[in-house]
């Protein structure tokens, strides 16, 4: 661990915050001067691992902000913007609603409660959690224990995944596990078992009796990682680093599969210039059939050129979760991941950029991103033995 860059990361979290919670960036960019659900929770998880009391207090305020602006049907906002007169502007998504915000909120509340022993806070949040879980059940649509997610419905909001996206499934599984550890529930425990079974049977190539999509499953090529998504047209088989990292964290799959999964992830990481995982792989190019879906999926500015943003770009935040997921079994590799994240966060005079071009190594996206700092903190503290509910 480099103490200088670590302290810079902690300092950035302090700067990128206000009384209402964590902001996405310390840059003066309106869309990033908001309390975002997933960014805020990831920053909060970093705060819990570090132990900084002020940052933990800011995390609590982040969760309160999200809860206070929860939709009556159970949606957790994508972000909340506080205007100068304290009026709020609440967004539940841009071109599509966001599905992953509910799970992140629940993960945040449970981990805050577990670390601080603030049971009163959990009891206040319980109604919000229950409404969120109920809505997630409704978003299965056909009661198959898998969430159906629209394109742009999660953190990869300008990418092409859609349908039963693996990342959203494992994130929800993580949320369910967290709730069950705070408040034991037979109903939730049964749901955990059902979700786990259907994930382990359907997102890898193997032999099962009743696949979710039988026709597509028959032609599925064996890959050493969890597939990105299943939708009515079949499988989206690209590698999703965030989904696979969370799956490793939850120890999804048997020992043999996880061993092969890590082997693939390490071979991919070491083959690339930055020695870190790309968000999705392989990149999509203009000559590819899927390019039009990618090119048209942006509200303002197209950012998914090959090797950048979600289209094969490298995110320090995502690699922070990968580092955390392997630290117990492979601490030396986790150290390499941490060093790689520190290097990128130090670029451009400690710019903490949003992501990097995987091919050229050029910084891209917004500067001073809070979750770029959080990813570094999470990986660093995890490698010291600290951990979350999972």
Protein backbone atom coordinates (compact mmCIF):
# COMPACT_ATOMS: atom_id res chain seq x y z
CA UNK A 1 0.00 0.00 0.00
CA UNK A 2 1.21 3.48 -0.89
CA UNK A 3 0.23 5.64 2.10
CA UNK A 4 0.41 8.87 0.11
CA UNK A 5 -2.07 7.80 -2.56
CA UNK A 6 -4.23 6.10 0.09
CA UNK A 7 -4.50 9.36 2.04
CA UNK A 8 -5.31 11.14 -1.22
CA UNK A 9 -8.18 8.68 -1.75
CA UNK A 10 -9.55 9.30 1.75
CA UNK A 11 -9.21 13.06 1.24
CA UNK A 12 -11.15 12.84 -2.03
CA UNK A 13 -14.06 11.10 -0.29
CA UNK A 14 -14.19 13.97 2.19
CA UNK A 15 -14.12 16.52 -0.62
CA UNK A 16 -16.74 14.71 -2.69
CA UNK A 17 -19.41 14.91 -0.02
CA UNK A 18 -21.82 17.22 1.69
CA UNK A 19 -24.34 17.03 4.53
CA UNK A 20 -26.69 14.94 2.36
CA UNK A 21 -24.17 12.26 1.42
CA UNK A 22 -21.46 11.29 -1.02
CA UNK A 23 -21.28 12.97 -4.42
CA UNK A 24 -20.11 11.12 -7.53
CA UNK A 25 -17.23 13.51 -8.12
CA UNK A 26 -15.49 16.52 -6.64
CA UNK A 27 -15.51 18.10 -10.13
CA UNK A 28 -17.93 20.98 -10.74
CA UNK A 29 -20.08 18.95 -13.14
CA UNK A 30 -23.80 19.11 -12.40
CA UNK A 31 -24.61 15.48 -13.17
CA UNK A 32 -21.89 14.35 -10.76
CA UNK A 33 -22.88 16.77 -7.99
CA UNK A 34 -25.65 14.41 -6.96
CA UNK A 35 -26.16 11.75 -4.33
CA UNK A 36 -26.00 8.60 -6.45
CA UNK A 37 -27.20 5.28 -5.05
CA UNK A 38 -24.52 2.91 -6.29
CA UNK A 39 -21.65 5.45 -6.10
CA UNK A 40 -22.74 6.50 -2.62
CA UNK A 41 -22.99 2.98 -1.27
CA UNK A 42 -19.65 1.93 -2.75
CA UNK A 43 -18.04 5.00 -1.15
CA UNK A 44 -19.83 4.13 2.09
CA UNK A 45 -18.51 0.58 2.04
CA UNK A 46 -15.02 2.02 1.67
CA UNK A 47 -15.68 4.30 4.64
CA UNK A 48 -16.79 1.36 6.79
CA UNK A 49 -13.63 -0.59 5.99
CA UNK A 50 -11.39 2.42 6.68
CA UNK A 51 -13.18 3.38 9.89
CA UNK A 52 -13.15 7.17 9.37
CA UNK A 53 -15.99 8.32 11.63
CA UNK A 54 -16.86 11.39 9.58
CA UNK A 55 -17.05 9.38 6.37
CA UNK A 56 -19.21 6.76 8.09
CA UNK A 57 -21.55 9.55 9.18
CA UNK A 58 -21.69 10.81 5.59
CA UNK A 59 -22.56 7.28 4.50
CA UNK A 60 -25.46 7.20 6.96
CA UNK A 61 -26.73 10.48 5.50
CA UNK A 62 -26.40 9.02 1.99
CA UNK A 63 -28.66 6.11 2.96
CA UNK A 64 -31.15 8.45 4.63
CA UNK A 65 -31.25 10.63 1.50
CA UNK A 66 -31.98 7.59 -0.68
CA UNK A 67 -34.63 6.27 1.73
CA UNK A 68 -36.36 9.65 2.03
CA UNK A 69 -36.74 9.79 -1.76
CA UNK A 70 -37.75 6.19 -2.34
CA UNK A 71 -40.69 5.87 -4.72
CA UNK A 72 -43.95 4.73 -3.17
CA UNK A 73 -43.69 1.52 -5.21
CA UNK A 74 -40.23 0.74 -3.83
CA UNK A 75 -37.76 2.20 -6.36
CA UNK A 76 -34.56 3.58 -4.86
CA UNK A 77 -33.45 6.68 -6.79
CA UNK A 78 -30.61 6.52 -9.24
CA UNK A 79 -29.63 9.92 -7.84
CA UNK A 80 -30.92 12.87 -5.86
CA UNK A 81 -29.90 16.44 -6.64
CA UNK A 82 -30.19 19.13 -3.95
CA UNK A 83 -30.67 22.59 -5.39
CA UNK A 84 -29.46 25.75 -3.68
CA UNK A 85 -32.89 26.32 -2.10
CA UNK A 86 -32.82 22.71 -0.81
CA UNK A 87 -35.49 21.61 -3.26
CA UNK A 88 -34.69 18.21 -4.71
CA UNK A 89 -34.64 16.74 -8.19
CA UNK A 90 -35.01 12.95 -8.08
CA UNK A 91 -34.05 10.64 -10.93
CA UNK A 92 -34.84 6.95 -11.20
CA UNK A 93 -32.88 6.61 -14.44
CA UNK A 94 -32.36 8.19 -17.85
CA UNK A 95 -33.21 6.25 -20.98
CA UNK A 96 -34.29 3.35 -18.75
CA UNK A 97 -35.00 2.88 -15.06
CA UNK A 98 -32.25 1.55 -12.82
CA UNK A 99 -32.71 -1.87 -11.26
CA UNK A 100 -29.45 -2.21 -9.28
CA UNK A 101 -30.06 0.76 -6.97
CA UNK A 102 -32.38 -1.22 -4.67
CA UNK A 103 -29.82 -3.95 -4.09
CA UNK A 104 -27.01 -1.46 -3.47
CA UNK A 105 -29.19 0.39 -0.95
CA UNK A 106 -29.96 -2.82 0.95
CA UNK A 107 -26.31 -3.89 0.93
CA UNK A 108 -25.40 -0.46 2.27
CA UNK A 109 -27.96 -0.42 5.10
CA UNK A 110 -27.05 -3.92 6.25
CA UNK A 111 -23.30 -3.33 6.21
CA UNK A 112 -23.68 0.01 7.98
CA UNK A 113 -25.78 -1.71 10.64
CA UNK A 114 -23.33 -4.59 11.03
CA UNK A 115 -20.32 -2.30 11.42
CA UNK A 116 -21.87 0.30 13.73
CA UNK A 117 -24.29 -1.99 15.62
CA UNK A 118 -26.93 0.70 15.03
CA UNK A 119 -29.98 -1.57 15.21
CA UNK A 120 -32.29 1.43 15.59
CA UNK A 121 -31.18 2.64 12.15
CA UNK A 122 -31.87 -0.78 10.62
CA UNK A 123 -35.34 -0.82 12.16
CA UNK A 124 -36.06 2.59 10.63
CA UNK A 125 -34.85 1.37 7.25
CA UNK A 126 -36.69 -1.98 7.42
CA UNK A 127 -39.84 -0.68 5.71
CA UNK A 128 -37.73 0.72 2.87
CA UNK A 129 -35.88 -2.59 2.53
CA UNK A 130 -39.11 -4.59 2.46
CA UNK A 131 -40.62 -2.34 -0.22
CA UNK A 132 -37.46 -2.71 -2.30
CA UNK A 133 -37.41 -6.49 -1.99
CA UNK A 134 -41.06 -6.67 -2.95
CA UNK A 135 -40.44 -4.61 -6.08
CA UNK A 136 -37.46 -6.78 -7.02
CA UNK A 137 -39.76 -9.81 -6.81
CA UNK A 138 -42.20 -8.06 -9.12
CA UNK A 139 -39.39 -7.36 -11.60
CA UNK A 140 -38.96 -11.08 -12.09
CA UNK A 141 -42.18 -10.75 -14.14
CA UNK A 142 -42.58 -14.51 -14.57
CA UNK A 143 -41.67 -15.61 -11.02
CA UNK A 144 -38.54 -17.42 -12.22
CA UNK A 145 -36.26 -16.00 -9.48
CA UNK A 146 -34.33 -13.92 -12.02
CA UNK A 147 -34.67 -10.14 -12.36
CA UNK A 148 -35.45 -8.87 -15.85
CA UNK A 149 -33.36 -5.76 -16.49
CA UNK A 150 -33.87 -3.33 -19.39
CA UNK A 151 -30.90 -2.25 -21.46
CA UNK A 152 -29.29 0.70 -19.60
CA UNK A 153 -30.92 -0.57 -16.40
CA UNK A 154 -27.81 -0.75 -14.23
CA UNK A 155 -24.33 0.71 -13.77
CA UNK A 156 -23.41 -0.12 -17.40
CA UNK A 157 -26.04 2.36 -18.50
CA UNK A 158 -24.74 2.85 -22.05
CA UNK A 159 -23.79 -0.75 -22.76
CA UNK A 160 -25.78 -3.45 -24.61
CA UNK A 161 -26.54 -6.04 -21.92
CA UNK A 162 -30.22 -6.58 -21.24
CA UNK A 163 -32.52 -9.26 -19.92
CA UNK A 164 -31.56 -11.49 -17.02
CA UNK A 165 -28.23 -9.72 -16.50
CA UNK A 166 -25.87 -11.70 -14.27
CA UNK A 167 -24.49 -8.67 -12.42
CA UNK A 168 -27.96 -7.68 -11.21
CA UNK A 169 -28.71 -11.25 -10.11
CA UNK A 170 -25.56 -11.62 -7.97
CA UNK A 171 -26.00 -8.12 -6.57
CA UNK A 172 -29.52 -9.01 -5.47
CA UNK A 173 -28.22 -12.31 -4.03
CA UNK A 174 -25.66 -10.32 -2.04
CA UNK A 175 -28.44 -8.03 -0.76
CA UNK A 176 -30.59 -11.00 0.28
CA UNK A 177 -27.66 -12.58 2.11
CA UNK A 178 -26.97 -9.33 3.94
CA UNK A 179 -30.56 -9.01 5.14
CA UNK A 180 -30.60 -12.62 6.30
CA UNK A 181 -27.47 -12.06 8.40
CA UNK A 182 -28.94 -9.01 10.11
CA UNK A 183 -32.42 -10.42 10.59
CA UNK A 184 -32.75 -14.17 10.12
CA UNK A 185 -35.68 -14.99 7.83
CA UNK A 186 -36.78 -18.43 6.66
CA UNK A 187 -38.53 -16.86 3.67
CA UNK A 188 -35.44 -14.94 2.56
CA UNK A 189 -33.20 -17.96 3.21
CA UNK A 190 -35.37 -20.04 0.89
CA UNK A 191 -35.20 -17.31 -1.74
CA UNK A 192 -31.40 -17.25 -1.45
CA UNK A 193 -31.27 -20.99 -2.13
CA UNK A 194 -33.57 -20.71 -5.15
CA UNK A 195 -31.64 -17.80 -6.69
CA UNK A 196 -28.30 -19.51 -6.06
CA UNK A 197 -29.44 -22.73 -7.74
CA UNK A 198 -30.79 -21.06 -10.86
CA UNK A 199 -27.63 -18.95 -11.24
CA UNK A 200 -25.27 -21.89 -10.83
CA UNK A 201 -27.28 -23.97 -13.30
CA UNK A 202 -27.87 -21.45 -16.06
CA UNK A 203 -24.98 -18.99 -16.42
CA UNK A 204 -22.29 -21.55 -17.23
CA UNK A 205 -22.14 -24.25 -19.88
CA UNK A 206 -22.70 -27.71 -18.45
CA UNK A 207 -25.31 -30.43 -18.18
CA UNK A 208 -28.59 -29.70 -16.41
CA UNK A 209 -32.05 -31.18 -16.78
CA UNK A 210 -34.16 -28.04 -16.95
CA UNK A 211 -32.28 -25.01 -18.34
CA UNK A 212 -34.02 -21.67 -18.29
CA UNK A 213 -33.54 -21.21 -22.06
CA UNK A 214 -33.25 -24.81 -23.38
CA UNK A 215 -32.62 -24.03 -27.06
CA UNK A 216 -29.91 -21.46 -26.34
CA UNK A 217 -28.34 -23.62 -23.64
CA UNK A 218 -27.81 -26.51 -26.07
CA UNK A 219 -25.55 -24.37 -28.25
CA UNK A 220 -23.79 -22.52 -25.42
CA UNK A 221 -20.00 -22.60 -25.71
CA UNK A 222 -18.10 -23.55 -22.60
CA UNK A 223 -16.44 -20.52 -21.01
CA UNK A 224 -14.59 -20.37 -17.67
CA UNK A 225 -16.68 -17.48 -16.36
CA UNK A 226 -20.29 -16.52 -15.68
CA UNK A 227 -22.14 -15.37 -18.80
CA UNK A 228 -23.18 -11.71 -18.89
CA UNK A 229 -26.90 -12.23 -19.52
CA UNK A 230 -29.73 -14.45 -20.71
CA UNK A 231 -32.61 -12.92 -22.66
CA UNK A 232 -35.35 -14.29 -24.91
CA UNK A 233 -32.95 -14.23 -27.88
CA UNK A 234 -30.35 -16.33 -26.08
CA UNK A 235 -27.12 -15.67 -24.21
CA UNK A 236 -24.89 -12.60 -24.15
CA UNK A 237 -21.58 -14.33 -23.55
CA UNK A 238 -19.16 -11.43 -23.10
CA UNK A 239 -17.06 -11.37 -19.93
CA UNK A 240 -18.44 -9.01 -17.26
CA UNK A 241 -15.74 -8.19 -14.70
CA UNK A 242 -18.06 -6.61 -12.13
CA UNK A 243 -20.57 -9.47 -12.11
CA UNK A 244 -17.82 -12.08 -11.99
CA UNK A 245 -16.02 -10.26 -9.17
CA UNK A 246 -19.15 -10.16 -7.02
CA UNK A 247 -19.73 -13.85 -7.78
CA UNK A 248 -16.20 -14.59 -6.52
CA UNK A 249 -16.89 -12.53 -3.41
CA UNK A 250 -20.00 -14.63 -2.74
CA UNK A 251 -18.14 -17.86 -3.59
CA UNK A 252 -20.73 -18.76 -6.19
CA UNK A 253 -20.05 -22.04 -8.00
CA UNK A 254 -17.86 -24.94 -6.91
CA UNK A 255 -14.13 -24.82 -6.20
CA UNK A 256 -13.17 -26.12 -9.64
CA UNK A 257 -15.23 -23.52 -11.45
CA UNK A 258 -13.90 -20.66 -9.31
CA UNK A 259 -10.33 -21.84 -9.89
CA UNK A 260 -10.87 -21.76 -13.67
CA UNK A 261 -12.69 -18.45 -13.39
CA UNK A 262 -9.76 -16.81 -11.60
CA UNK A 263 -7.32 -18.38 -14.06
CA UNK A 264 -9.21 -16.79 -16.96
CA UNK A 265 -9.42 -13.42 -15.19
CA UNK A 266 -5.72 -13.45 -14.39
CA UNK A 267 -4.72 -14.43 -17.93
CA UNK A 268 -6.89 -11.63 -19.31
CA UNK A 269 -5.57 -9.07 -16.82
CA UNK A 270 -1.92 -9.91 -17.46
CA UNK A 271 -2.40 -9.79 -21.23
CA UNK A 272 -3.39 -6.12 -21.14
CA UNK A 273 -1.31 -2.95 -21.00
CA UNK A 274 -2.70 -1.72 -17.68
CA UNK A 275 -2.53 -5.12 -15.94
CA UNK A 276 -6.10 -4.61 -14.71
CA UNK A 277 -9.44 -6.07 -15.80
CA UNK A 278 -11.61 -4.30 -18.39
CA UNK A 279 -15.27 -3.76 -17.52
CA UNK A 280 -16.47 -5.98 -20.39
CA UNK A 281 -14.52 -8.07 -22.88
CA UNK A 282 -14.16 -8.42 -25.87
CA UNK A 283 -14.63 -4.84 -27.12
CA UNK A 284 -17.34 -4.21 -29.72
CA UNK A 285 -16.13 -2.64 -32.99
CA UNK A 286 -18.00 -0.71 -35.73
CA UNK A 287 -17.96 -3.73 -38.03
CA UNK A 288 -19.62 -5.96 -35.40
CA UNK A 289 -23.31 -6.81 -35.54
CA UNK A 290 -23.89 -5.36 -32.05
CA UNK A 291 -22.33 -1.98 -32.83
CA UNK A 292 -25.62 -0.25 -33.70
CA UNK A 293 -27.11 -1.23 -30.34
CA UNK A 294 -24.07 0.27 -28.63
CA UNK A 295 -23.80 3.38 -30.80
CA UNK A 296 -27.42 4.39 -30.31
CA UNK A 297 -27.53 3.74 -26.57
CA UNK A 298 -26.52 7.13 -25.24
CA UNK A 299 -28.53 10.16 -24.24
CA UNK A 300 -25.99 12.90 -24.83
CA UNK A 301 -22.49 11.92 -25.96
CA UNK A 302 -21.21 8.58 -27.30
CA UNK A 303 -18.41 7.36 -25.05
CA UNK A 304 -18.20 3.64 -25.82
CA UNK A 305 -15.49 3.67 -28.46
CA UNK A 306 -13.52 0.39 -28.42
CA UNK A 307 -11.35 -0.02 -25.28
CA UNK A 308 -13.08 2.83 -23.43
CA UNK A 309 -15.90 3.32 -20.95
CA UNK A 310 -18.01 0.14 -20.72
CA UNK A 311 -16.77 -1.11 -24.10
CA UNK A 312 -13.55 -2.66 -22.80
CA UNK A 313 -12.47 0.31 -20.69
CA UNK A 314 -10.68 -0.15 -17.35
CA UNK A 315 -12.36 1.07 -14.16
CA UNK A 316 -10.49 1.32 -10.87
CA UNK A 317 -13.76 0.81 -9.00
CA UNK A 318 -14.47 -2.51 -10.70
CA UNK A 319 -10.92 -3.70 -10.06
CA UNK A 320 -11.30 -2.76 -6.42
CA UNK A 321 -14.05 -5.35 -6.12
CA UNK A 322 -11.96 -7.90 -7.98
CA UNK A 323 -9.07 -7.28 -5.60
CA UNK A 324 -11.38 -7.67 -2.63
CA UNK A 325 -12.81 -10.94 -3.99
CA UNK A 326 -9.43 -12.70 -4.23
CA UNK A 327 -7.57 -11.24 -1.27
CA UNK A 328 -8.13 -14.17 1.08
CA UNK A 329 -6.91 -16.84 -1.32
CA UNK A 330 -4.45 -14.80 -3.40
CA UNK A 331 -3.11 -11.87 -1.31
CA UNK A 332 -0.07 -11.41 -3.56
CA UNK A 333 -2.30 -10.98 -6.62
CA UNK A 334 -4.50 -8.60 -4.65
CA UNK A 335 -1.38 -6.53 -3.96
CA UNK A 336 -0.76 -6.32 -7.71
CA UNK A 337 -4.34 -5.14 -8.25
CA UNK A 338 -3.99 -2.50 -5.55
CA UNK A 339 -0.73 -1.26 -7.07
CA UNK A 340 -2.40 -1.03 -10.48
CA UNK A 341 -5.34 0.95 -9.08
CA UNK A 342 -2.98 3.28 -7.21
CA UNK A 343 -1.03 3.89 -10.40
CA UNK A 344 -4.16 4.88 -12.33
CA UNK A 345 -5.54 7.03 -9.53
CA UNK A 346 -2.19 8.86 -9.40
CA UNK A 347 -2.26 9.75 -13.09
CA UNK A 348 -2.64 13.42 -14.07
CA UNK A 349 -1.56 14.66 -10.63
CA UNK A 350 -3.83 12.33 -8.65
CA UNK A 351 -6.74 12.85 -11.02
CA UNK A 352 -8.76 9.80 -9.86
CA UNK A 353 -10.26 9.55 -13.33
CA UNK A 354 -13.45 7.61 -13.94
CA UNK A 355 -11.83 5.03 -16.24
CA UNK A 356 -8.96 4.46 -18.67
CA UNK A 357 -8.47 3.35 -22.25
CA UNK A 358 -7.35 -0.25 -21.89
CA UNK A 359 -5.32 -0.20 -25.10
CA UNK A 360 -3.51 3.14 -24.82
CA UNK A 361 -3.61 3.73 -21.07
CA UNK A 362 -5.07 7.23 -21.55
CA UNK A 363 -7.27 8.66 -18.81
CA UNK A 364 -10.92 9.04 -19.82
CA UNK A 365 -14.14 10.19 -18.22
CA UNK A 366 -14.57 12.58 -15.31
CA UNK A 367 -11.80 13.54 -12.88
CA UNK A 368 -11.89 13.14 -9.10
CA UNK A 369 -14.44 10.32 -9.15
CA UNK A 370 -15.29 9.27 -5.62
CA UNK A 371 -15.75 5.62 -6.44
CA UNK A 372 -12.36 5.45 -8.13
CA UNK A 373 -10.98 6.36 -4.71
CA UNK A 374 -13.40 3.95 -3.02
CA UNK A 375 -12.30 1.01 -5.16
CA UNK A 376 -8.72 1.58 -4.04
CA UNK A 377 -9.72 1.81 -0.37
CA UNK A 378 -11.88 -1.31 -0.55
CA UNK A 379 -9.13 -3.42 -2.10
CA UNK A 380 -6.50 -2.06 0.30
CA UNK A 381 -8.48 -2.62 3.49
CA UNK A 382 -9.71 -6.03 2.32
CA UNK A 383 -6.12 -7.09 1.86
CA UNK A 384 -5.54 -6.18 5.51
CA UNK A 385 -8.22 -8.67 6.51
CA UNK A 386 -11.27 -6.41 6.76
CA UNK A 387 -14.46 -7.59 5.13
CA UNK A 388 -18.19 -7.01 4.52
CA UNK A 389 -21.32 -8.99 5.11
CA UNK A 390 -21.60 -11.32 2.16
